[in-house]
Amino acid sequence: MDVHHTTANNQLLEVPGTVLFPFFLAINIAEAARAATGWVEPGLGPLFTLRKTYYPGDIGFGVGFKPTNAKDFNTMQTKELQNGRLAMLAAAGMCVQEQINGKGILENLGF
């Protein structure tokens, strides 16, 4: 079976605009909501000032998942940061592998 696999580094150019627009719009809305939660609006205080009630990274862990005390919250926050860092390293490793041998990640895995 001859299946064309595109490397992930080239796939963004192949995605139609009707898919990309809602995707980037959702990212924009999420970032705007996060900024509105944590930052003072321009004109209401000095620029780049955090709200008094905002703790960086505290935008919710989901219903019932947010720890109630500060020590457990810091532990959960550290776990989330470490998980995100590991995921970024893994994604970077896959991109580098594709650039070196020219094969997509699924081809490297035998699919």
C-alpha atoms as a PDB file:
ATOM      1  CA  MET A   1       0.000   0.000   0.000  1.00  0.00           C
ATOM      2  CA  ASP A   2       1.540   3.279  -1.125  1.00  0.00           C
ATOM      3  CA  VAL A   3       0.409   5.985   1.279  1.00  0.00           C
ATOM      4  CA  HIS A   4       1.770   9.512   1.095  1.00  0.00           C
ATOM      5  CA  HIS A   5       2.868  10.675   4.543  1.00  0.00           C
ATOM      6  CA  THR A   6       3.601  14.351   4.947  1.00  0.00           C
ATOM      7  CA  THR A   7       6.081  15.359   7.588  1.00  0.00           C
ATOM      8  CA  ALA A   8       4.532  17.370  10.422  1.00  0.00           C
ATOM      9  CA  ASN A   9       6.799  20.297   9.644  1.00  0.00           C
ATOM     10  CA  ASN A  10       5.009  20.754   6.297  1.00  0.00           C
ATOM     11  CA  GLN A  11       1.432  19.971   7.289  1.00  0.00           C
ATOM     12  CA  LEU A  12       0.370  23.458   8.343  1.00  0.00           C
ATOM     13  CA  LEU A  13       0.637  24.614   4.732  1.00  0.00           C
ATOM     14  CA  GLU A  14      -1.747  21.822   3.654  1.00  0.00           C
ATOM     15  CA  VAL A  15      -4.551  22.650   6.104  1.00  0.00           C
ATOM     16  CA  PRO A  16      -7.391  24.652   4.513  1.00  0.00           C
ATOM     17  CA  GLY A  17      -8.142  28.129   5.825  1.00  0.00           C
ATOM     18  CA  THR A  18     -11.646  27.054   6.848  1.00  0.00           C
ATOM     19  CA  VAL A  19     -10.010  24.808   9.459  1.00  0.00           C
ATOM     20  CA  LEU A  20      -7.150  27.100  10.455  1.00  0.00           C
ATOM     21  CA  PHE A  21      -9.299  30.178  11.060  1.00  0.00           C
ATOM     22  CA  PRO A  22     -11.535  28.600  13.754  1.00  0.00           C
ATOM     23  CA  PHE A  23      -8.472  26.940  15.296  1.00  0.00           C
ATOM     24  CA  PHE A  24      -6.543  30.194  15.643  1.00  0.00           C
ATOM     25  CA  LEU A  25      -9.714  32.035  16.684  1.00  0.00           C
ATOM     26  CA  ALA A  26     -10.201  29.574  19.565  1.00  0.00           C
ATOM     27  CA  ILE A  27      -6.580  30.090  20.642  1.00  0.00           C
ATOM     28  CA  ASN A  28      -7.061  33.867  20.484  1.00  0.00           C
ATOM     29  CA  ILE A  29     -10.243  33.729  22.586  1.00  0.00           C
ATOM     30  CA  ALA A  30      -8.577  31.508  25.207  1.00  0.00           C
ATOM     31  CA  GLU A  31      -5.566  33.832  25.460  1.00  0.00           C
ATOM     32  CA  ALA A  32      -7.780  36.930  25.659  1.00  0.00           C
ATOM     33  CA  ALA A  33      -9.806  35.344  28.474  1.00  0.00           C
ATOM     34  CA  ARG A  34      -6.610  34.446  30.339  1.00  0.00           C
ATOM     35  CA  ALA A  35      -5.273  37.982  29.931  1.00  0.00           C
ATOM     36  CA  ALA A  36      -8.567  39.487  31.118  1.00  0.00           C
ATOM     37  CA  THR A  37      -8.474  37.201  34.163  1.00  0.00           C
ATOM     38  CA  GLY A  38      -4.951  38.077  35.249  1.00  0.00           C
ATOM     39  CA  TRP A  39      -4.028  41.528  34.025  1.00  0.00           C
ATOM     40  CA  VAL A  40      -5.267  45.030  34.821  1.00  0.00           C
ATOM     41  CA  GLU A  41      -6.782  46.740  31.768  1.00  0.00           C
ATOM     42  CA  PRO A  42      -4.682  49.485  30.163  1.00  0.00           C
ATOM     43  CA  GLY A  43      -5.742  52.865  31.503  1.00  0.00           C
ATOM     44  CA  LEU A  44      -6.897  51.483  34.867  1.00  0.00           C
ATOM     45  CA  GLY A  45      -3.393  51.188  36.263  1.00  0.00           C
ATOM     46  CA  PRO A  46       0.240  50.856  35.262  1.00  0.00           C
ATOM     47  CA  LEU A  47       0.889  48.712  32.198  1.00  0.00           C
ATOM     48  CA  PHE A  48       1.734  45.037  32.710  1.00  0.00           C
ATOM     49  CA  THR A  49       0.255  44.919  36.224  1.00  0.00           C
ATOM     50  CA  LEU A  50      -1.308  41.743  37.598  1.00  0.00           C
ATOM     51  CA  ARG A  51      -4.625  41.896  39.430  1.00  0.00           C
ATOM     52  CA  LYS A  52      -4.378  41.653  43.220  1.00  0.00           C
ATOM     53  CA  THR A  53      -6.647  38.578  43.250  1.00  0.00           C
ATOM     54  CA  TYR A  54      -4.716  36.738  40.518  1.00  0.00           C
ATOM     55  CA  TYR A  55      -2.002  34.181  41.168  1.00  0.00           C
ATOM     56  CA  PRO A  56       0.042  33.305  38.031  1.00  0.00           C
ATOM     57  CA  GLY A  57      -1.079  29.978  36.660  1.00  0.00           C
ATOM     58  CA  ASP A  58      -4.295  29.925  38.678  1.00  0.00           C
ATOM     59  CA  ILE A  59      -6.879  29.919  35.922  1.00  0.00           C
ATOM     60  CA  GLY A  60      -8.421  26.643  37.057  1.00  0.00           C
ATOM     61  CA  PHE A  61      -7.604  22.955  37.013  1.00  0.00           C
ATOM     62  CA  GLY A  62     -11.173  21.968  36.253  1.00  0.00           C
ATOM     63  CA  VAL A  63     -14.124  21.379  38.547  1.00  0.00           C
ATOM     64  CA  GLY A  64     -12.940  19.678  41.733  1.00  0.00           C
ATOM     65  CA  PHE A  65      -9.323  19.321  40.606  1.00  0.00           C
ATOM     66  CA  LYS A  66      -7.877  22.501  42.096  1.00  0.00           C
ATOM     67  CA  PRO A  67      -6.181  21.792  45.425  1.00  0.00           C
ATOM     68  CA  THR A  68      -7.558  23.741  48.367  1.00  0.00           C
ATOM     69  CA  ASN A  69      -4.325  24.543  50.213  1.00  0.00           C
ATOM     70  CA  ALA A  70      -1.247  26.407  48.973  1.00  0.00           C
ATOM     71  CA  LYS A  71       1.224  23.519  49.331  1.00  0.00           C
ATOM     72  CA  ASP A  72      -0.896  21.103  47.270  1.00  0.00           C
ATOM     73  CA  PHE A  73      -1.596  23.845  44.725  1.00  0.00           C
ATOM     74  CA  ASN A  74       2.137  24.498  44.266  1.00  0.00           C
ATOM     75  CA  THR A  75       2.760  20.747  43.892  1.00  0.00           C
ATOM     76  CA  MET A  76       0.034  20.478  41.228  1.00  0.00           C
ATOM     77  CA  GLN A  77       1.335  23.584  39.466  1.00  0.00           C
ATOM     78  CA  THR A  78       4.867  22.148  39.382  1.00  0.00           C
ATOM     79  CA  LYS A  79       3.564  18.843  37.979  1.00  0.00           C
ATOM     80  CA  GLU A  80       1.683  20.714  35.239  1.00  0.00           C
ATOM     81  CA  LEU A  81       4.783  22.745  34.322  1.00  0.00           C
ATOM     82  CA  GLN A  82       7.027  19.673  34.210  1.00  0.00           C
ATOM     83  CA  ASN A  83       4.485  17.781  32.089  1.00  0.00           C
ATOM     84  CA  GLY A  84       4.291  20.685  29.628  1.00  0.00           C
ATOM     85  CA  ARG A  85       8.069  20.934  29.402  1.00  0.00           C
ATOM     86  CA  LEU A  86       8.390  17.206  28.723  1.00  0.00           C
ATOM     87  CA  ALA A  87       5.719  17.417  26.014  1.00  0.00           C
ATOM     88  CA  MET A  88       7.547  20.319  24.317  1.00  0.00           C
ATOM     89  CA  LEU A  89      10.822  18.368  24.326  1.00  0.00           C
ATOM     90  CA  ALA A  90       9.063  15.322  22.862  1.00  0.00           C
ATOM     91  CA  ALA A  91       7.454  17.396  20.092  1.00  0.00           C
ATOM     92  CA  ALA A  92      10.782  19.076  19.307  1.00  0.00           C
ATOM     93  CA  GLY A  93      12.462  15.670  19.135  1.00  0.00           C
ATOM     94  CA  MET A  94       9.891  14.413  16.627  1.00  0.00           C
ATOM     95  CA  CYS A  95      10.341  17.523  14.463  1.00  0.00           C
ATOM     96  CA  VAL A  96      14.140  17.148  14.501  1.00  0.00           C
ATOM     97  CA  GLN A  97      13.852  13.459  13.608  1.00  0.00           C
ATOM     98  CA  GLU A  98      11.644  14.315  10.622  1.00  0.00           C
ATOM     99  CA  GLN A  99      14.119  16.956   9.436  1.00  0.00           C
ATOM    100  CA  ILE A 100      17.069  14.573   9.717  1.00  0.00           C
ATOM    101  CA  ASN A 101      15.681  11.512   7.921  1.00  0.00           C
ATOM    102  CA  GLY A 102      12.852  13.080   5.890  1.00  0.00           C
ATOM    103  CA  LYS A 103      10.241  10.597   7.121  1.00  0.00           C
ATOM    104  CA  GLY A 104       7.061  11.378   9.032  1.00  0.00           C
ATOM    105  CA  ILE A 105       6.758  10.169  12.607  1.00  0.00           C
ATOM    106  CA  LEU A 106       4.258   7.463  11.646  1.00  0.00           C
ATOM    107  CA  GLU A 107       6.649   6.152   8.991  1.00  0.00           C
ATOM    108  CA  ASN A 108       9.391   5.964  11.599  1.00  0.00           C
ATOM    109  CA  LEU A 109       7.059   3.911  13.790  1.00  0.00           C
ATOM    110  CA  GLY A 110       6.292   1.506  10.928  1.00  0.00           C
ATOM    111  CA  PHE A 111       2.789   2.685   9.939  1.00  0.00           C
END
